[in-house]
Protein backbone atom coordinates (compact mmCIF):
# COMPACT_ATOMS: atom_id res chain seq x y z
CA MET A 1 166.20 121.02 24.02
CA ALA A 2 163.61 123.85 24.29
CA TRP A 3 162.12 123.49 20.60
CA SER A 4 158.46 124.88 21.60
CA ARG A 5 159.81 127.47 22.71
CA ILE A 6 162.22 128.47 19.77
CA CYS A 7 159.46 127.73 17.21
CA ALA A 8 157.03 129.75 18.91
CA ALA A 9 159.85 132.64 18.85
CA VAL A 10 160.43 131.92 15.11
CA LEU A 11 156.37 132.23 14.65
CA ALA A 12 155.85 135.21 16.63
CA GLY A 13 158.42 137.03 14.04
CA SER A 14 161.21 137.84 16.91
CA LEU A 15 164.09 135.78 16.57
CA LEU A 16 165.53 137.49 19.64
CA ALA A 17 162.29 136.49 21.89
CA ALA A 18 162.59 133.43 23.93
CA PRO A 19 164.98 134.77 26.74
CA SER A 20 164.50 131.55 28.64
CA VAL A 21 166.15 129.23 26.25
CA ALA A 22 170.10 129.44 26.98
CA ARG A 23 172.31 130.43 24.55
CA GLU A 24 176.19 131.28 23.86
CA ARG A 25 176.89 134.74 22.94
CA ASP A 26 179.54 136.87 21.93
CA LEU A 27 180.73 133.89 19.11
CA PRO A 28 183.70 135.05 16.89
CA GLU A 29 183.39 135.12 13.48
CA PHE A 30 183.91 132.03 11.46
CA GLY A 31 182.77 130.17 8.14
CA TRP A 32 183.28 127.58 6.00
CA ASP A 33 186.91 126.51 4.79
CA TRP A 34 186.98 123.84 2.55
CA GLY A 35 190.54 124.41 0.86
CA THR A 36 192.31 121.23 2.70
CA GLY A 37 189.36 119.26 1.79
CA ARG A 38 187.28 117.30 4.21
CA ARG A 39 185.84 113.33 4.05
CA TYR A 40 182.47 112.88 5.28
CA PHE A 41 179.79 109.86 5.85
CA LEU A 42 176.58 110.73 5.26
CA GLU A 43 173.53 109.05 5.65
CA SER A 44 169.74 110.13 5.10
CA SER A 45 166.17 108.10 5.28
CA VAL A 46 163.09 109.45 3.69
CA GLY A 47 159.29 107.95 4.18
CA GLY A 48 156.13 108.82 2.45
CA VAL A 49 157.28 109.13 -1.04
CA VAL A 50 156.57 107.78 -4.23
CA MET A 51 159.34 107.68 -6.87
CA MET A 52 160.13 105.30 -10.27
CA PHE A 53 163.35 103.75 -10.09
CA SER A 54 164.41 102.27 -13.35
CA ALA A 55 166.83 100.02 -14.97
CA ASP A 56 169.04 100.51 -17.85
CA LYS A 57 167.17 97.41 -19.59
CA ASN A 58 163.33 98.39 -19.00
CA ARG A 59 162.53 97.63 -15.55
CA ASP A 60 160.74 100.19 -13.84
CA VAL A 61 159.70 99.98 -10.18
CA VAL A 62 157.79 102.36 -7.96
CA ILE A 63 159.33 103.11 -4.40
CA ARG A 64 157.64 103.95 -1.39
CA GLN A 65 160.98 104.70 1.24
CA PHE A 66 164.93 104.41 1.21
CA THR A 67 168.18 104.82 2.98
CA THR A 68 171.01 105.91 1.55
CA GLN A 69 174.72 106.08 3.26
CA MET A 70 177.69 107.16 1.44
CA VAL A 71 181.18 108.50 1.73
CA VAL A 72 182.28 111.54 -0.15
CA ASN A 73 185.59 113.55 -0.52
CA CYS A 74 184.93 117.33 -0.70
CA HIS A 75 187.78 119.51 -1.77
CA ASP A 76 189.02 122.07 -4.51
CA PRO A 77 186.36 125.26 -3.75
CA GLU A 78 186.11 127.88 -6.66
CA ARG A 79 184.60 130.69 -6.63
CA THR A 80 181.76 131.14 -8.78
CA GLY A 81 180.49 134.42 -7.59
CA ARG A 82 180.83 137.30 -5.02
CA ARG A 83 179.03 135.00 -2.65
CA SER A 84 178.90 131.88 -3.52
CA TYR A 85 181.29 129.10 -4.69
CA GLU A 86 181.89 125.55 -5.79
CA VAL A 87 183.12 122.64 -4.24
CA ARG A 88 183.69 119.30 -5.86
CA CYS A 89 182.56 116.02 -3.59
CA ASP A 90 184.20 112.68 -5.17
CA ILE A 91 181.70 109.75 -4.01
CA GLU A 92 184.23 107.26 -2.75
CA ASP A 93 181.59 104.35 -1.22
CA PHE A 94 177.55 104.50 -1.41
CA ALA A 95 175.03 101.62 -0.17
CA ILE A 96 171.04 102.11 -0.64
CA GLN A 97 168.18 100.17 0.83
CA ALA A 98 164.48 100.92 -0.73
CA MET A 99 161.31 99.75 -0.44
CA PRO A 100 159.13 98.73 -3.44
CA ARG A 101 155.38 98.65 -3.57
CA PRO A 102 154.02 94.94 -2.77
CA SER A 103 153.05 93.97 -6.23
CA GLU A 104 156.59 95.03 -7.36
CA ALA A 105 158.61 92.69 -4.86
CA GLY A 106 161.28 91.43 -5.96
CA LEU A 107 161.96 93.52 -8.95
CA LEU A 108 163.98 96.08 -7.30
CA GLN A 109 167.42 94.59 -6.19
CA ILE A 110 168.94 94.73 -9.87
CA VAL A 111 167.46 98.31 -10.11
CA LEU A 112 169.40 99.40 -6.76
CA GLU A 113 172.90 97.38 -7.71
CA GLU A 114 173.07 99.33 -10.65
CA VAL A 115 172.40 102.72 -8.75
CA GLU A 116 175.41 101.66 -6.66
CA ALA A 117 177.90 100.46 -9.45
CA LYS A 118 177.31 103.98 -11.37
CA LEU A 119 178.10 106.17 -8.17
CA GLU A 120 181.13 104.12 -7.32
CA ASP A 121 182.29 104.65 -10.95
CA GLY A 122 183.77 107.90 -11.32
CA ALA A 123 180.38 110.27 -10.24
CA TRP A 124 180.74 113.12 -8.58
CA LEU A 125 179.00 116.13 -7.09
CA GLN A 126 179.53 119.69 -7.70
CA VAL A 127 177.76 121.65 -4.21
CA ARG A 128 177.61 125.38 -4.57
CA MET A 129 177.45 126.87 -1.71
CA ARG A 130 176.89 130.63 -0.39
CA ASP A 131 179.27 132.27 1.98
CA ASP A 132 177.07 131.98 4.56
CA GLY A 133 177.23 128.37 4.36
CA GLN A 134 174.21 127.91 2.88
CA LEU A 135 173.40 125.26 0.13
CA ILE A 136 171.99 126.74 -3.53
CA ASN A 137 172.83 124.25 -6.03
CA PHE A 138 173.49 120.40 -6.38
CA GLN A 139 174.30 118.60 -9.46
CA LEU A 140 175.53 114.90 -10.32
CA GLU A 141 178.33 114.54 -12.59
CA ASP A 142 179.46 111.71 -14.43
CA TYR A 143 176.71 109.72 -14.13
CA GLN A 144 175.98 107.26 -16.53
CA ALA A 145 172.77 108.26 -18.67
CA ARG A 146 171.92 108.63 -22.22
CA PHE A 147 168.54 107.74 -22.68
CA ARG A 148 165.25 109.38 -21.92
CA ASP A 149 164.93 106.94 -18.78
CA GLN A 150 168.09 106.65 -18.17
CA ASN A 151 167.80 110.56 -17.76
CA ARG A 152 164.87 110.53 -15.66
CA MET A 153 166.61 108.30 -12.98
CA ALA A 154 169.66 110.24 -12.94
CA GLU A 155 167.66 112.97 -11.69
CA ASN A 156 166.15 110.80 -9.27
CA VAL A 157 169.70 109.76 -8.10
CA ARG A 158 170.16 113.38 -7.71
CA LEU A 159 167.27 114.31 -5.74
CA ILE A 160 168.07 111.11 -3.13
CA LEU A 161 171.61 112.05 -2.76
CA MET A 162 170.66 115.61 -1.93
CA ARG A 163 168.89 114.95 1.00
CA SER A 164 171.95 113.48 2.29
CA PHE A 165 173.92 116.75 1.53
CA ALA A 166 171.36 118.60 3.24
CA GLY A 167 172.65 118.92 6.59
CA LEU A 168 175.15 120.50 5.13
CA ASP A 169 172.68 123.60 4.87
CA LEU A 170 172.96 125.60 7.71
CA ARG A 171 173.26 129.37 7.72
CA LEU A 172 176.22 130.54 9.81
CA PRO A 173 175.72 133.88 11.63
CA THR A 174 177.36 136.35 9.46
CA ARG A 175 176.11 139.65 10.89
CA ALA A 176 177.86 140.74 14.39
CA LEU A 177 174.51 141.26 16.25
CA ASP A 178 174.04 137.59 15.13
CA ARG A 179 177.04 136.52 16.86
CA GLU A 180 176.16 138.79 19.59
CA GLN A 181 173.00 137.91 20.48
CA GLY A 182 173.67 133.87 19.55
CA VAL A 183 170.54 133.09 17.73
CA TRP A 184 169.53 134.24 14.28
CA GLY A 185 167.20 133.17 11.37
CA GLN A 186 166.89 131.24 8.15
CA THR A 187 164.20 131.34 5.31
CA GLU A 188 165.36 128.85 2.85
CA SER A 189 166.59 125.40 3.91
CA THR A 190 167.46 122.18 2.10
CA ILE A 191 166.27 119.91 4.64
CA THR A 192 162.64 121.01 4.08
CA MET A 193 162.52 119.98 0.34
CA TYR A 194 160.86 117.22 -0.60
CA PRO A 195 162.63 114.47 -3.88
CA SER A 196 160.43 115.86 -6.37
CA ALA A 197 161.67 116.44 -10.40
CA LEU A 198 159.07 119.15 -10.43
CA GLY A 199 160.67 121.41 -7.41
CA THR A 200 159.10 121.95 -3.61
CA ALA A 201 157.48 125.30 -3.67
CA GLY A 202 156.64 126.73 -0.07
CA SER A 203 157.88 128.91 3.15
CA VAL A 204 160.25 127.94 6.05
CA GLU A 205 160.31 130.09 9.42
CA MET A 206 163.64 128.85 10.87
CA ALA A 207 165.80 129.69 14.28
CA ASN A 208 169.40 128.58 15.09
CA LEU A 209 170.79 128.97 18.19
CA ALA A 210 174.25 128.43 19.69
CA THR A 211 173.86 126.62 22.83
CA LYS A 212 176.91 125.41 23.92
CA ARG A 213 180.53 126.53 23.47
CA SER A 214 184.03 124.10 23.86
CA ASP A 215 186.57 126.04 22.85
CA ASP A 216 186.47 126.31 19.14
CA TRP A 217 183.59 123.91 18.89
CA VAL A 218 179.83 125.25 19.04
CA VAL A 219 177.24 123.54 19.11
CA ILE A 220 174.11 124.68 17.05
CA GLU A 221 170.49 123.65 17.43
CA THR A 222 167.92 124.19 15.02
CA ALA A 223 163.91 124.81 14.90
CA ALA A 224 161.73 125.38 12.20
CA ARG A 225 158.57 125.05 10.52
CA ALA A 226 157.46 124.83 6.98
CA THR A 227 154.83 124.66 4.94
CA ILE A 228 155.90 122.79 1.55
CA SER A 229 154.33 121.62 -1.47
CA PRO A 230 156.44 119.17 -3.79
CA GLN A 231 154.98 117.93 -7.50
CA ALA A 232 153.05 120.89 -8.58
CA GLY A 233 151.06 121.47 -5.59
CA LYS A 234 149.12 118.47 -5.43
CA ASP A 235 150.17 118.02 -1.40
CA THR A 236 150.95 120.68 0.98
CA TYR A 237 152.69 119.09 4.26
CA ALA A 238 152.87 121.58 7.22
CA THR A 239 156.55 120.53 8.36
CA ARG A 240 158.37 120.42 12.02
CA VAL A 241 162.28 120.36 11.51
CA GLU A 242 164.70 119.71 14.26
CA ALA A 243 168.41 119.82 14.05
CA ARG A 244 171.26 119.75 16.09
CA ALA A 245 175.02 120.64 14.70
CA VAL A 246 178.73 120.94 16.09
CA PHE A 247 180.75 123.29 13.91
CA ASP A 248 184.37 124.06 14.33
CA MET A 249 184.82 127.19 14.06
CA ALA A 250 188.83 127.51 14.10
CA GLN A 251 189.46 125.09 11.44
CA GLY A 252 186.00 126.10 9.35
CA TYR A 253 184.20 123.02 9.13
CA MET A 254 180.96 121.07 10.47
CA VAL A 255 182.24 118.47 12.51
CA GLU A 256 178.73 116.64 12.93
CA ARG A 257 174.75 117.24 12.31
CA ILE A 258 171.59 115.32 12.95
CA TRP A 259 167.92 116.25 11.58
CA VAL A 260 164.70 115.47 11.46
CA ALA A 261 161.49 116.78 9.18
CA GLU A 262 158.58 115.36 9.87
CA GLY A 263 155.28 116.60 7.47
CA TRP A 264 151.55 115.91 7.38
CA ALA A 265 149.34 116.61 4.77
CA THR A 266 146.99 119.46 5.31
CA ALA A 267 143.18 119.22 4.99
CA GLY A 268 143.23 120.19 0.97
CA SER A 269 145.85 118.09 -0.09
CA ALA A 270 145.09 115.14 -2.45
CA SER A 271 146.52 112.15 0.08
CA ALA A 272 145.44 114.13 3.40
CA GLU A 273 144.48 111.27 5.72
CA ALA A 274 143.58 112.39 9.58
CA GLY A 275 145.97 111.74 12.04
CA VAL A 276 148.56 110.18 9.13
CA ARG A 277 152.26 111.43 8.69
CA PRO A 278 152.81 110.64 5.06
CA TYR A 279 156.25 112.53 4.92
CA ALA A 280 159.04 111.90 7.09
CA GLN A 281 163.04 112.03 6.81
CA ALA A 282 166.06 112.05 9.13
CA GLY A 283 169.73 112.11 8.42
CA ARG A 284 173.03 112.29 10.16
CA LEU A 285 176.43 113.19 9.23
CA PHE A 286 180.16 113.62 10.49
CA VAL A 287 183.19 114.31 8.93
CA ILE A 288 186.06 111.60 9.04
CA GLU A 289 189.49 112.40 10.43
CA PRO A 290 192.37 111.56 8.04
CA THR A 291 193.43 109.71 11.03
CA SER A 292 190.21 107.63 10.87
CA ALA A 293 189.15 104.69 8.99
CA SER A 294 186.40 104.99 6.65
CA PRO A 295 182.75 103.54 8.31
CA VAL A 296 181.72 100.14 6.70
CA LEU A 297 178.27 100.65 4.72
CA MET A 298 175.26 98.69 5.13
CA ASP A 299 174.69 96.32 2.42
CA THR A 300 172.33 97.43 -0.49
CA ILE A 301 169.45 95.55 -0.84
CA GLU A 302 165.35 95.45 -1.47
CA LEU A 303 163.65 95.59 1.54
CA ALA A 304 160.31 93.59 1.90
CA PRO A 305 157.23 95.57 1.33
CA LYS A 306 154.99 96.03 4.18
CA PRO A 307 151.67 94.14 3.45
CA THR A 308 148.37 96.04 2.75
CA GLN A 309 146.32 96.95 6.30
CA PHE A 310 142.91 96.27 5.60
CA SER A 311 140.41 99.22 8.30
CA ASP A 312 138.36 96.42 9.94
CA LYS A 313 140.16 92.99 9.85
CA GLU A 314 136.48 91.55 11.39
CA ALA A 315 134.69 92.68 8.70
CA THR A 316 132.17 89.89 7.10
CA GLY A 317 129.86 90.11 3.72
CA GLY A 318 129.81 88.98 0.49
CA LEU A 319 129.04 85.45 -1.03
CA ALA A 320 130.23 82.21 0.76
CA PRO A 321 133.02 79.99 -0.68
CA ALA A 322 131.69 77.19 -2.44
CA GLY A 323 130.54 74.18 -1.01
CA ASN A 324 129.88 76.25 2.22
């Protein structure tokens, strides 16, 4: 895939540059159709984050990375505006694995099991999308939370689940020129967002390119560069995004998608370190056909934290042990 050439075209400000990139032209008009409902398997992994996980009974644990898997049933679209609508997505199955910081090893398992139990006990998601396919709002409903710490944890769970649904955020070619040329831009993307309760600011330059077509299916490849600043601007990440999706144009749904986003802290960031990639996320999703069994999810477990690494393992100095 010619990611470098596509990115160069985006950054040059012309989405129709990079003529050497193969593309499918003269696409038919197509969009989402949620009327019959769709079941999806969704997975995402995020590293380089710091999030507080809380159990109902006064247990707080800081996590550094996580992976989630879930099966959702999305149905009953309702028009909420001239150009947007909402879809209800019921959570049928959920699993999570997460890594705490070393000082809190062994304390996270009970928290993860509580999250899993709450999500599988009637919780559902309200997903608002625009007619062009972009995700614009995402709410977690009927997640048991009454007190302040529980509400904070509910928001963290919403942010985590949003990392999986980010793959559905793909602007489709609504203009005749976009479909004719087989390439179109996108200036907002949930994939570039960071799981922060304070939100994510920044800018995105993204190109979507139709690269292959087989009957009614089209392959859409995405490349982007973004500058994102989460947590009230303490860090700014220079971020690269790559993704590949298959969309059924006749039936109006995304068949599958994989994506990866990698962010490096810029020089002025609070956590900047030369050569270190502090933030990364990757995900995948695919539709579960009505005749197919649901995938078996991973177990919900606490991952063993990585040991602290010293910069110089051969360093010596200080006082010798007593008796030497």
